């Protein structure tokens, strides 16, 4: 059974950092691309960051570029989203998603992923 479990969410003041973690299990292949998405209150889910199966290729939404970093630990089957300089627009439920891949493609659209977790709430106070 494939399972993704996000953790690390919480309440943070604007300008502060937060580190989200996603532990993946259930897929026996190694080539798994992963991404982070978020859904602000009353809005659609949106792309935040993604990485290739190796973690060597990354992509970010313009709104988080330079402040967020995605990294992947294949030995631990974990993907991390390190967030700095958070602003109130970052208030959302954050989801990690994954899919099996056969190359180094990075995916920016949620419907391109196969599996996702339950999400973790991030609230940024002004």
N, C-alpha and C. Protein backbone atom coordinates (compact mmCIF):
# COMPACT_ATOMS: atom_id res chain seq x y z
N UNK A 1 0.84 -1.19 0.00
CA UNK A 1 0.00 0.00 0.00
C UNK A 1 0.88 1.24 0.00
N UNK A 2 0.65 2.12 -0.97
CA UNK A 2 1.42 3.36 -1.06
C UNK A 2 0.92 4.34 -0.01
N UNK A 3 1.86 4.96 0.67
CA UNK A 3 1.49 5.91 1.71
C UNK A 3 2.47 7.08 1.71
N UNK A 4 1.93 8.27 1.78
CA UNK A 4 2.72 9.49 1.92
C UNK A 4 2.23 10.20 3.18
N UNK A 5 3.17 10.53 4.06
CA UNK A 5 2.80 11.17 5.32
C UNK A 5 3.59 12.46 5.47
N UNK A 6 2.87 13.57 5.42
CA UNK A 6 3.51 14.88 5.59
C UNK A 6 3.56 15.24 7.08
N UNK A 7 4.59 15.98 7.44
CA UNK A 7 4.71 16.46 8.81
C UNK A 7 5.48 17.77 8.81
N UNK A 8 5.43 18.45 9.95
CA UNK A 8 6.20 19.68 10.10
C UNK A 8 5.39 20.96 9.99
N UNK A 9 4.12 20.84 9.66
CA UNK A 9 3.30 22.03 9.57
C UNK A 9 3.04 22.65 10.93
N UNK A 10 2.49 23.84 10.93
CA UNK A 10 2.18 24.52 12.18
C UNK A 10 1.99 25.99 11.97
N UNK A 11 2.03 26.72 13.07
CA UNK A 11 1.85 28.17 13.04
C UNK A 11 3.23 28.83 13.10
N UNK A 12 3.43 29.77 12.20
CA UNK A 12 4.72 30.47 12.15
C UNK A 12 4.46 31.94 11.88
N UNK A 13 5.29 32.80 12.41
CA UNK A 13 5.16 34.22 12.15
C UNK A 13 5.72 34.57 10.78
N UNK A 14 5.17 35.58 10.18
CA UNK A 14 5.66 36.04 8.88
C UNK A 14 7.15 36.34 8.98
N UNK A 15 7.86 35.90 7.97
CA UNK A 15 9.32 36.07 7.96
C UNK A 15 10.07 34.89 8.53
N UNK A 16 9.35 33.99 9.16
CA UNK A 16 10.00 32.86 9.80
C UNK A 16 10.16 31.67 8.87
N UNK A 17 10.90 30.66 9.32
CA UNK A 17 11.11 29.45 8.53
C UNK A 17 10.23 28.30 9.02
N UNK A 18 10.10 27.31 8.17
CA UNK A 18 9.41 26.08 8.53
C UNK A 18 9.93 24.99 7.62
N UNK A 19 10.02 23.80 8.16
CA UNK A 19 10.55 22.67 7.41
C UNK A 19 9.49 21.57 7.36
N UNK A 20 9.05 21.24 6.17
CA UNK A 20 8.09 20.17 5.97
C UNK A 20 8.81 18.91 5.51
N UNK A 21 8.31 17.79 5.97
CA UNK A 21 8.88 16.51 5.59
C UNK A 21 7.77 15.60 5.07
N UNK A 22 8.11 14.76 4.12
CA UNK A 22 7.15 13.80 3.58
C UNK A 22 7.82 12.44 3.53
N UNK A 23 7.28 11.51 4.28
CA UNK A 23 7.81 10.14 4.30
C UNK A 23 6.97 9.27 3.37
N UNK A 24 7.63 8.63 2.43
CA UNK A 24 6.94 7.82 1.43
C UNK A 24 7.23 6.34 1.66
N UNK A 25 6.23 5.53 1.44
CA UNK A 25 6.41 4.09 1.56
C UNK A 25 5.46 3.38 0.60
N UNK A 26 5.79 2.14 0.29
CA UNK A 26 4.88 1.32 -0.50
C UNK A 26 5.27 1.12 -1.94
N UNK A 27 6.10 2.01 -2.50
CA UNK A 27 6.55 1.83 -3.88
C UNK A 27 7.92 1.16 -3.84
N UNK A 28 8.09 0.09 -4.60
CA UNK A 28 9.35 -0.66 -4.53
C UNK A 28 10.35 -0.23 -5.60
N UNK A 29 9.93 0.66 -6.49
CA UNK A 29 10.87 1.16 -7.49
C UNK A 29 11.61 2.36 -6.92
N UNK A 30 12.73 2.68 -7.53
CA UNK A 30 13.54 3.78 -7.01
C UNK A 30 13.31 5.09 -7.75
N UNK A 31 12.82 5.00 -8.98
CA UNK A 31 12.68 6.23 -9.78
C UNK A 31 11.31 6.86 -9.52
N UNK A 32 11.27 7.70 -8.49
CA UNK A 32 10.03 8.34 -8.07
C UNK A 32 10.25 9.84 -8.03
N UNK A 33 9.51 10.56 -8.86
CA UNK A 33 9.55 12.02 -8.82
C UNK A 33 8.56 12.51 -7.78
N UNK A 34 8.90 13.60 -7.12
CA UNK A 34 8.03 14.08 -6.05
C UNK A 34 7.82 15.58 -6.16
N UNK A 35 6.71 16.02 -5.62
CA UNK A 35 6.40 17.44 -5.66
C UNK A 35 5.64 17.87 -4.43
N UNK A 36 5.70 19.16 -4.17
CA UNK A 36 4.92 19.77 -3.10
C UNK A 36 3.89 20.71 -3.73
N UNK A 37 2.70 20.62 -3.24
CA UNK A 37 1.62 21.49 -3.67
C UNK A 37 0.96 22.06 -2.42
N UNK A 38 0.21 23.14 -2.59
CA UNK A 38 -0.50 23.70 -1.45
C UNK A 38 -1.87 24.18 -1.88
N UNK A 39 -2.79 24.17 -0.94
CA UNK A 39 -4.15 24.63 -1.21
C UNK A 39 -4.53 25.67 -0.17
N UNK A 40 -4.48 26.94 -0.55
CA UNK A 40 -4.91 28.00 0.37
C UNK A 40 -6.40 27.91 0.63
N UNK A 41 -6.90 28.48 1.70
CA UNK A 41 -8.33 28.43 2.01
C UNK A 41 -9.17 28.98 0.88
N UNK A 42 -10.13 28.21 0.41
CA UNK A 42 -11.04 28.65 -0.63
C UNK A 42 -10.45 28.72 -2.02
N UNK A 43 -9.26 28.18 -2.21
CA UNK A 43 -8.61 28.26 -3.52
C UNK A 43 -8.24 26.88 -4.03
N UNK A 44 -7.80 26.85 -5.30
CA UNK A 44 -7.39 25.60 -5.91
C UNK A 44 -6.00 25.19 -5.40
N UNK A 45 -5.72 23.90 -5.53
CA UNK A 45 -4.38 23.43 -5.20
C UNK A 45 -3.40 24.01 -6.21
N UNK A 46 -2.25 24.45 -5.73
CA UNK A 46 -1.26 25.06 -6.61
C UNK A 46 0.12 24.46 -6.41
N UNK A 47 0.89 24.55 -7.45
CA UNK A 47 2.24 24.02 -7.46
C UNK A 47 3.15 24.85 -6.57
N UNK A 48 4.03 24.17 -5.83
CA UNK A 48 5.01 24.87 -5.01
C UNK A 48 6.42 24.53 -5.48
N UNK A 49 6.75 23.23 -5.48
CA UNK A 49 8.10 22.81 -5.85
C UNK A 49 8.06 21.35 -6.25
N UNK A 50 9.05 20.93 -7.05
CA UNK A 50 9.12 19.54 -7.47
C UNK A 50 10.56 19.17 -7.74
N UNK A 51 10.83 17.88 -7.69
CA UNK A 51 12.17 17.41 -8.01
C UNK A 51 12.10 16.11 -8.80
N UNK A 52 13.16 15.84 -9.53
CA UNK A 52 13.27 14.60 -10.28
C UNK A 52 13.52 13.45 -9.33
N UNK A 53 13.54 12.24 -9.86
CA UNK A 53 13.70 11.08 -8.99
C UNK A 53 15.03 11.10 -8.26
N UNK A 54 16.06 11.65 -8.89
CA UNK A 54 17.37 11.71 -8.25
C UNK A 54 17.49 12.89 -7.29
N UNK A 55 16.57 13.85 -7.42
CA UNK A 55 16.69 15.07 -6.64
C UNK A 55 17.60 16.10 -7.27
N UNK A 56 18.22 15.74 -8.38
CA UNK A 56 19.19 16.63 -8.99
C UNK A 56 18.58 17.74 -9.82
N UNK A 57 17.35 17.56 -10.25
CA UNK A 57 16.64 18.59 -11.02
C UNK A 57 15.46 19.07 -10.19
N UNK A 58 15.34 20.37 -10.04
CA UNK A 58 14.25 20.93 -9.24
C UNK A 58 13.55 22.04 -10.00
N UNK A 59 12.36 22.36 -9.55
CA UNK A 59 11.58 23.42 -10.16
C UNK A 59 10.74 24.06 -9.06
N UNK A 60 10.49 25.36 -9.18
CA UNK A 60 9.76 26.08 -8.15
C UNK A 60 8.74 27.02 -8.78
N UNK A 61 7.67 27.24 -8.06
CA UNK A 61 6.75 28.29 -8.45
C UNK A 61 7.46 29.63 -8.28
N UNK A 62 7.12 30.58 -9.14
CA UNK A 62 7.77 31.89 -9.05
C UNK A 62 7.58 32.53 -7.68
N UNK A 63 6.45 32.28 -7.06
CA UNK A 63 6.13 32.91 -5.79
C UNK A 63 7.01 32.44 -4.64
N UNK A 64 7.68 31.30 -4.80
CA UNK A 64 8.50 30.77 -3.71
C UNK A 64 9.97 30.67 -4.08
N UNK A 65 10.28 30.96 -5.33
CA UNK A 65 11.65 30.83 -5.80
C UNK A 65 12.58 31.71 -4.96
N UNK A 66 13.68 31.13 -4.52
CA UNK A 66 14.64 31.85 -3.69
C UNK A 66 14.36 31.78 -2.20
N UNK A 67 13.16 31.29 -1.83
CA UNK A 67 12.81 31.20 -0.41
C UNK A 67 12.59 29.75 0.02
N UNK A 68 12.16 28.90 -0.91
CA UNK A 68 11.89 27.50 -0.59
C UNK A 68 12.93 26.62 -1.28
N UNK A 69 13.24 25.49 -0.63
CA UNK A 69 14.15 24.52 -1.22
C UNK A 69 13.57 23.12 -1.05
N UNK A 70 13.51 22.38 -2.15
CA UNK A 70 13.07 21.00 -2.10
C UNK A 70 14.29 20.10 -2.18
N UNK A 71 14.29 19.04 -1.38
CA UNK A 71 15.38 18.09 -1.43
C UNK A 71 14.84 16.69 -1.20
N UNK A 72 15.55 15.70 -1.70
CA UNK A 72 15.06 14.32 -1.67
C UNK A 72 16.15 13.41 -1.12
N UNK A 73 15.78 12.56 -0.21
CA UNK A 73 16.70 11.57 0.35
C UNK A 73 16.19 10.20 -0.07
N UNK A 74 16.79 9.63 -1.10
CA UNK A 74 16.29 8.35 -1.62
C UNK A 74 16.54 7.20 -0.64
N UNK A 75 17.56 7.30 0.16
CA UNK A 75 17.84 6.24 1.13
C UNK A 75 16.73 6.18 2.18
N UNK A 76 16.19 7.33 2.54
CA UNK A 76 15.14 7.39 3.57
C UNK A 76 13.75 7.52 2.97
N UNK A 77 13.67 7.57 1.63
CA UNK A 77 12.36 7.74 0.97
C UNK A 77 11.62 8.96 1.52
N UNK A 78 12.36 10.06 1.61
CA UNK A 78 11.81 11.28 2.20
C UNK A 78 12.07 12.47 1.28
N UNK A 79 11.11 13.36 1.23
CA UNK A 79 11.31 14.62 0.52
C UNK A 79 11.04 15.76 1.50
N UNK A 80 11.91 16.75 1.46
CA UNK A 80 11.86 17.87 2.40
C UNK A 80 11.53 19.15 1.65
N UNK A 81 10.73 19.99 2.28
CA UNK A 81 10.51 21.34 1.76
C UNK A 81 10.94 22.31 2.85
N UNK A 82 12.08 22.94 2.63
CA UNK A 82 12.57 23.94 3.57
C UNK A 82 12.05 25.30 3.11
N UNK A 83 11.32 25.95 3.99
CA UNK A 83 10.70 27.23 3.64
C UNK A 83 11.29 28.33 4.51
N UNK A 84 11.67 29.42 3.86
CA UNK A 84 12.19 30.59 4.57
C UNK A 84 11.36 31.80 4.20
N UNK A 85 11.42 32.81 5.06
CA UNK A 85 10.77 34.09 4.78
C UNK A 85 9.31 33.88 4.38
N UNK A 86 8.61 33.13 5.18
CA UNK A 86 7.20 32.86 4.89
C UNK A 86 6.37 34.13 5.02
N UNK A 87 5.35 34.23 4.20
CA UNK A 87 4.42 35.34 4.28
C UNK A 87 3.00 34.78 4.42
N UNK A 88 2.03 35.62 4.78
CA UNK A 88 0.66 35.12 5.00
C UNK A 88 0.07 34.40 3.80
N UNK A 89 0.55 34.71 2.59
CA UNK A 89 0.06 34.00 1.41
C UNK A 89 0.47 32.54 1.41
N UNK A 90 1.38 32.18 2.29
CA UNK A 90 1.81 30.81 2.42
C UNK A 90 0.89 29.96 3.28
N UNK A 91 -0.13 30.57 3.86
CA UNK A 91 -1.09 29.83 4.66
C UNK A 91 -1.87 28.89 3.75
N UNK A 92 -1.76 27.60 4.03
CA UNK A 92 -2.38 26.60 3.16
C UNK A 92 -2.17 25.22 3.75
N UNK A 93 -2.87 24.27 3.18
CA UNK A 93 -2.57 22.87 3.46
C UNK A 93 -1.55 22.44 2.41
N UNK A 94 -0.44 21.91 2.86
CA UNK A 94 0.64 21.50 1.98
C UNK A 94 0.59 19.98 1.78
N UNK A 95 0.67 19.58 0.52
CA UNK A 95 0.60 18.17 0.16
C UNK A 95 1.87 17.76 -0.57
N UNK A 96 2.36 16.56 -0.31
CA UNK A 96 3.40 16.01 -1.17
C UNK A 96 2.76 14.96 -2.06
N UNK A 97 3.31 14.86 -3.25
CA UNK A 97 2.78 13.95 -4.25
C UNK A 97 3.93 13.21 -4.91
N UNK A 98 3.66 12.04 -5.43
CA UNK A 98 4.72 11.29 -6.07
C UNK A 98 4.18 10.49 -7.25
N UNK A 99 5.12 10.12 -8.13
CA UNK A 99 4.79 9.28 -9.26
C UNK A 99 6.04 8.55 -9.71
N UNK A 100 5.84 7.41 -10.35
CA UNK A 100 6.94 6.65 -10.92
C UNK A 100 7.35 7.32 -12.23
N UNK A 101 8.65 7.40 -12.46
CA UNK A 101 9.14 8.02 -13.69
C UNK A 101 10.20 7.14 -14.34
N UNK A 102 10.52 7.47 -15.60
CA UNK A 102 11.53 6.71 -16.34
C UNK A 102 12.63 7.62 -16.86
N UNK A 103 12.55 8.91 -16.46
CA UNK A 103 13.58 9.85 -16.86
C UNK A 103 13.68 10.91 -15.77
N UNK A 104 14.28 12.03 -16.09
CA UNK A 104 14.54 13.07 -15.09
C UNK A 104 13.51 14.21 -15.15
N UNK A 105 12.36 13.93 -15.74
CA UNK A 105 11.33 14.95 -15.85
C UNK A 105 10.84 15.39 -14.48
N UNK A 106 10.58 16.70 -14.38
CA UNK A 106 10.00 17.28 -13.18
C UNK A 106 8.58 17.74 -13.52
N UNK A 107 7.63 17.44 -12.68
CA UNK A 107 6.22 17.69 -12.99
C UNK A 107 5.66 18.80 -12.11
N UNK A 108 4.96 19.75 -12.75
CA UNK A 108 4.43 20.92 -12.06
C UNK A 108 2.92 20.88 -11.85
N UNK A 109 2.27 19.86 -12.36
CA UNK A 109 0.82 19.79 -12.29
C UNK A 109 0.39 18.63 -11.41
N UNK A 110 -0.55 18.90 -10.51
CA UNK A 110 -0.96 17.89 -9.57
C UNK A 110 -1.52 16.64 -10.24
N UNK A 111 -2.24 16.82 -11.36
CA UNK A 111 -2.85 15.65 -11.99
C UNK A 111 -1.84 14.78 -12.74
N UNK A 112 -0.59 15.20 -12.75
CA UNK A 112 0.45 14.36 -13.33
C UNK A 112 1.03 13.39 -12.29
N UNK A 113 0.64 13.55 -11.05
CA UNK A 113 1.11 12.67 -10.00
C UNK A 113 0.07 11.60 -9.71
N UNK A 114 0.55 10.50 -9.17
CA UNK A 114 -0.31 9.34 -8.94
C UNK A 114 -0.77 9.23 -7.49
N UNK A 115 0.10 9.58 -6.57
CA UNK A 115 -0.18 9.40 -5.15
C UNK A 115 0.05 10.71 -4.41
N UNK A 116 -0.70 10.91 -3.35
CA UNK A 116 -0.53 12.11 -2.53
C UNK A 116 -0.91 11.80 -1.09
N UNK A 117 -0.43 12.65 -0.19
CA UNK A 117 -0.71 12.45 1.22
C UNK A 117 -1.93 13.21 1.69
N UNK A 118 -2.14 13.21 2.99
CA UNK A 118 -3.30 13.86 3.59
C UNK A 118 -3.08 15.36 3.80
N UNK A 119 -1.84 15.78 3.73
CA UNK A 119 -1.54 17.20 3.86
C UNK A 119 -1.19 17.60 5.28
N UNK A 120 -0.50 18.73 5.39
CA UNK A 120 -0.17 19.30 6.68
C UNK A 120 -0.46 20.79 6.62
N UNK A 121 -1.09 21.31 7.67
CA UNK A 121 -1.52 22.70 7.67
C UNK A 121 -0.35 23.62 8.04
N UNK A 122 -0.17 24.66 7.24
CA UNK A 122 0.79 25.72 7.56
C UNK A 122 0.00 27.01 7.68
N UNK A 123 0.17 27.68 8.78
CA UNK A 123 -0.50 28.96 9.00
C UNK A 123 0.56 30.01 9.30
N UNK A 124 0.56 31.07 8.50
CA UNK A 124 1.54 32.14 8.66
C UNK A 124 0.81 33.37 9.18
N UNK A 125 1.20 33.80 10.36
CA UNK A 125 0.56 34.97 10.97
C UNK A 125 1.34 36.24 10.61
N UNK A 126 0.58 37.30 10.40
CA UNK A 126 1.22 38.57 10.02
C UNK A 126 1.58 39.40 11.24
